[in-house]
């Protein structure tokens, strides 16, 4: 899945965060939507678009 995002001055890029975590083993079906300390919230793009943490 190709991932495109728009980022503002005060916001981290969803695309950059997702690509970073994918290099560490994040499955392709997840998109990182928010980083909180050492945890991330992801959107599952395959199984009903569920938010997981």
N, C-alpha and C. Protein backbone atom coordinates (compact mmCIF):
# COMPACT_ATOMS: atom_id res chain seq x y z
N UNK A 1 0.84 -1.15 0.00
CA UNK A 1 0.00 0.00 0.00
C UNK A 1 0.89 1.23 0.00
N UNK A 2 0.63 2.16 -0.91
CA UNK A 2 1.35 3.43 -0.90
C UNK A 2 0.66 4.36 0.07
N UNK A 3 1.44 5.15 0.76
CA UNK A 3 0.92 6.01 1.80
C UNK A 3 1.35 7.44 1.51
N UNK A 4 0.37 8.34 1.41
CA UNK A 4 0.64 9.75 1.18
C UNK A 4 0.03 10.53 2.32
N UNK A 5 0.67 11.63 2.71
CA UNK A 5 0.16 12.44 3.81
C UNK A 5 0.56 13.89 3.62
N UNK A 6 -0.21 14.75 4.24
CA UNK A 6 0.09 16.17 4.28
C UNK A 6 0.41 16.51 5.72
N UNK A 7 1.49 17.26 5.92
CA UNK A 7 1.84 17.60 7.29
C UNK A 7 1.94 19.11 7.45
N UNK A 8 1.59 19.56 8.63
CA UNK A 8 1.69 20.98 8.94
C UNK A 8 2.90 21.24 9.80
N UNK A 9 3.07 22.50 10.18
CA UNK A 9 4.22 22.89 11.00
C UNK A 9 4.27 22.18 12.33
N UNK A 10 3.12 22.01 12.98
CA UNK A 10 3.07 21.46 14.33
C UNK A 10 2.70 19.99 14.38
N UNK A 11 2.66 19.32 13.25
CA UNK A 11 2.20 17.94 13.22
C UNK A 11 3.25 17.03 12.60
N UNK A 12 3.37 15.83 13.15
CA UNK A 12 4.28 14.84 12.58
C UNK A 12 3.61 14.18 11.38
N UNK A 13 4.39 13.72 10.48
CA UNK A 13 3.88 13.09 9.27
C UNK A 13 3.43 11.66 9.54
N UNK A 14 2.20 11.36 9.22
CA UNK A 14 1.68 10.00 9.34
C UNK A 14 2.49 9.07 8.44
N UNK A 15 2.81 9.53 7.26
CA UNK A 15 3.58 8.69 6.32
C UNK A 15 4.97 8.39 6.87
N UNK A 16 5.66 9.40 7.40
CA UNK A 16 7.00 9.19 7.93
C UNK A 16 6.99 8.26 9.13
N UNK A 17 6.04 8.46 10.05
CA UNK A 17 5.94 7.60 11.23
C UNK A 17 5.66 6.15 10.83
N UNK A 18 4.74 5.97 9.90
CA UNK A 18 4.38 4.61 9.47
C UNK A 18 5.57 3.93 8.80
N UNK A 19 6.26 4.64 7.92
CA UNK A 19 7.42 4.06 7.25
C UNK A 19 8.51 3.71 8.27
N UNK A 20 8.71 4.55 9.26
CA UNK A 20 9.70 4.28 10.31
C UNK A 20 9.38 2.98 11.04
N UNK A 21 8.13 2.83 11.47
CA UNK A 21 7.75 1.63 12.22
C UNK A 21 7.71 0.39 11.34
N UNK A 22 7.47 0.56 10.05
CA UNK A 22 7.51 -0.59 9.14
C UNK A 22 8.92 -1.14 9.02
N UNK A 23 9.93 -0.29 9.11
CA UNK A 23 11.31 -0.79 9.07
C UNK A 23 11.60 -1.62 10.31
N UNK A 24 10.82 -1.42 11.37
CA UNK A 24 10.98 -2.20 12.60
C UNK A 24 10.04 -3.39 12.69
N UNK A 25 9.28 -3.66 11.62
CA UNK A 25 8.44 -4.85 11.60
C UNK A 25 6.94 -4.61 11.63
N UNK A 26 6.49 -3.36 11.60
CA UNK A 26 5.05 -3.09 11.56
C UNK A 26 4.45 -3.66 10.28
N UNK A 27 3.41 -4.49 10.39
CA UNK A 27 2.79 -5.07 9.19
C UNK A 27 2.22 -3.99 8.26
N UNK A 28 2.20 -4.28 6.98
CA UNK A 28 1.74 -3.34 5.95
C UNK A 28 0.29 -2.90 6.15
N UNK A 29 -0.52 -3.71 6.82
CA UNK A 29 -1.93 -3.36 6.97
C UNK A 29 -2.18 -2.27 8.00
N UNK A 30 -1.15 -1.85 8.76
CA UNK A 30 -1.31 -0.83 9.79
C UNK A 30 -0.73 0.51 9.36
N UNK A 31 -1.41 1.59 9.72
CA UNK A 31 -0.94 2.96 9.52
C UNK A 31 -0.87 3.60 10.89
N UNK A 32 0.28 4.16 11.23
CA UNK A 32 0.46 4.84 12.51
C UNK A 32 -0.27 6.19 12.44
N UNK A 33 -1.25 6.38 13.33
CA UNK A 33 -1.99 7.64 13.32
C UNK A 33 -1.61 8.55 14.48
N UNK A 34 -0.96 8.00 15.52
CA UNK A 34 -0.53 8.84 16.63
C UNK A 34 0.54 8.12 17.45
N UNK A 35 1.57 8.87 17.82
CA UNK A 35 2.60 8.36 18.72
C UNK A 35 2.40 9.00 20.08
N UNK A 36 2.39 8.20 21.15
CA UNK A 36 2.26 8.70 22.51
C UNK A 36 3.34 8.03 23.34
N UNK A 37 4.37 8.79 23.67
CA UNK A 37 5.52 8.25 24.40
C UNK A 37 6.06 7.02 23.68
N UNK A 38 6.04 5.86 24.34
CA UNK A 38 6.57 4.64 23.71
C UNK A 38 5.49 3.81 23.03
N UNK A 39 4.26 4.31 22.96
CA UNK A 39 3.15 3.59 22.33
C UNK A 39 2.73 4.28 21.04
N UNK A 40 2.13 3.52 20.14
CA UNK A 40 1.57 4.10 18.92
C UNK A 40 0.15 3.60 18.74
N UNK A 41 -0.69 4.44 18.17
CA UNK A 41 -2.04 4.04 17.77
C UNK A 41 -2.01 3.85 16.27
N UNK A 42 -2.57 2.73 15.83
CA UNK A 42 -2.54 2.38 14.42
C UNK A 42 -3.95 2.16 13.89
N UNK A 43 -4.11 2.43 12.61
CA UNK A 43 -5.35 2.15 11.91
C UNK A 43 -5.13 0.86 11.12
N UNK A 44 -5.98 -0.12 11.35
CA UNK A 44 -5.93 -1.38 10.62
C UNK A 44 -6.68 -1.18 9.31
N UNK A 45 -5.98 -1.21 8.19
CA UNK A 45 -6.59 -0.90 6.90
C UNK A 45 -7.19 -2.11 6.20
N UNK A 46 -7.15 -3.28 6.85
CA UNK A 46 -7.66 -4.49 6.21
C UNK A 46 -8.90 -5.03 6.91
N UNK A 47 -8.84 -5.17 8.20
CA UNK A 47 -9.89 -5.83 8.96
C UNK A 47 -10.90 -4.86 9.55
N UNK A 48 -11.64 -4.17 8.71
CA UNK A 48 -12.71 -3.30 9.18
C UNK A 48 -12.27 -1.94 9.68
N UNK A 49 -11.06 -1.52 9.38
CA UNK A 49 -10.57 -0.19 9.74
C UNK A 49 -10.66 0.08 11.23
N UNK A 50 -10.19 -0.83 12.04
CA UNK A 50 -10.21 -0.69 13.50
C UNK A 50 -8.97 0.04 14.00
N UNK A 51 -9.13 0.87 15.01
CA UNK A 51 -7.98 1.50 15.65
C UNK A 51 -7.46 0.56 16.72
N UNK A 52 -6.16 0.29 16.68
CA UNK A 52 -5.54 -0.59 17.67
C UNK A 52 -4.44 0.18 18.37
N UNK A 53 -4.06 -0.27 19.54
CA UNK A 53 -2.93 0.37 20.23
C UNK A 53 -2.03 -0.69 20.82
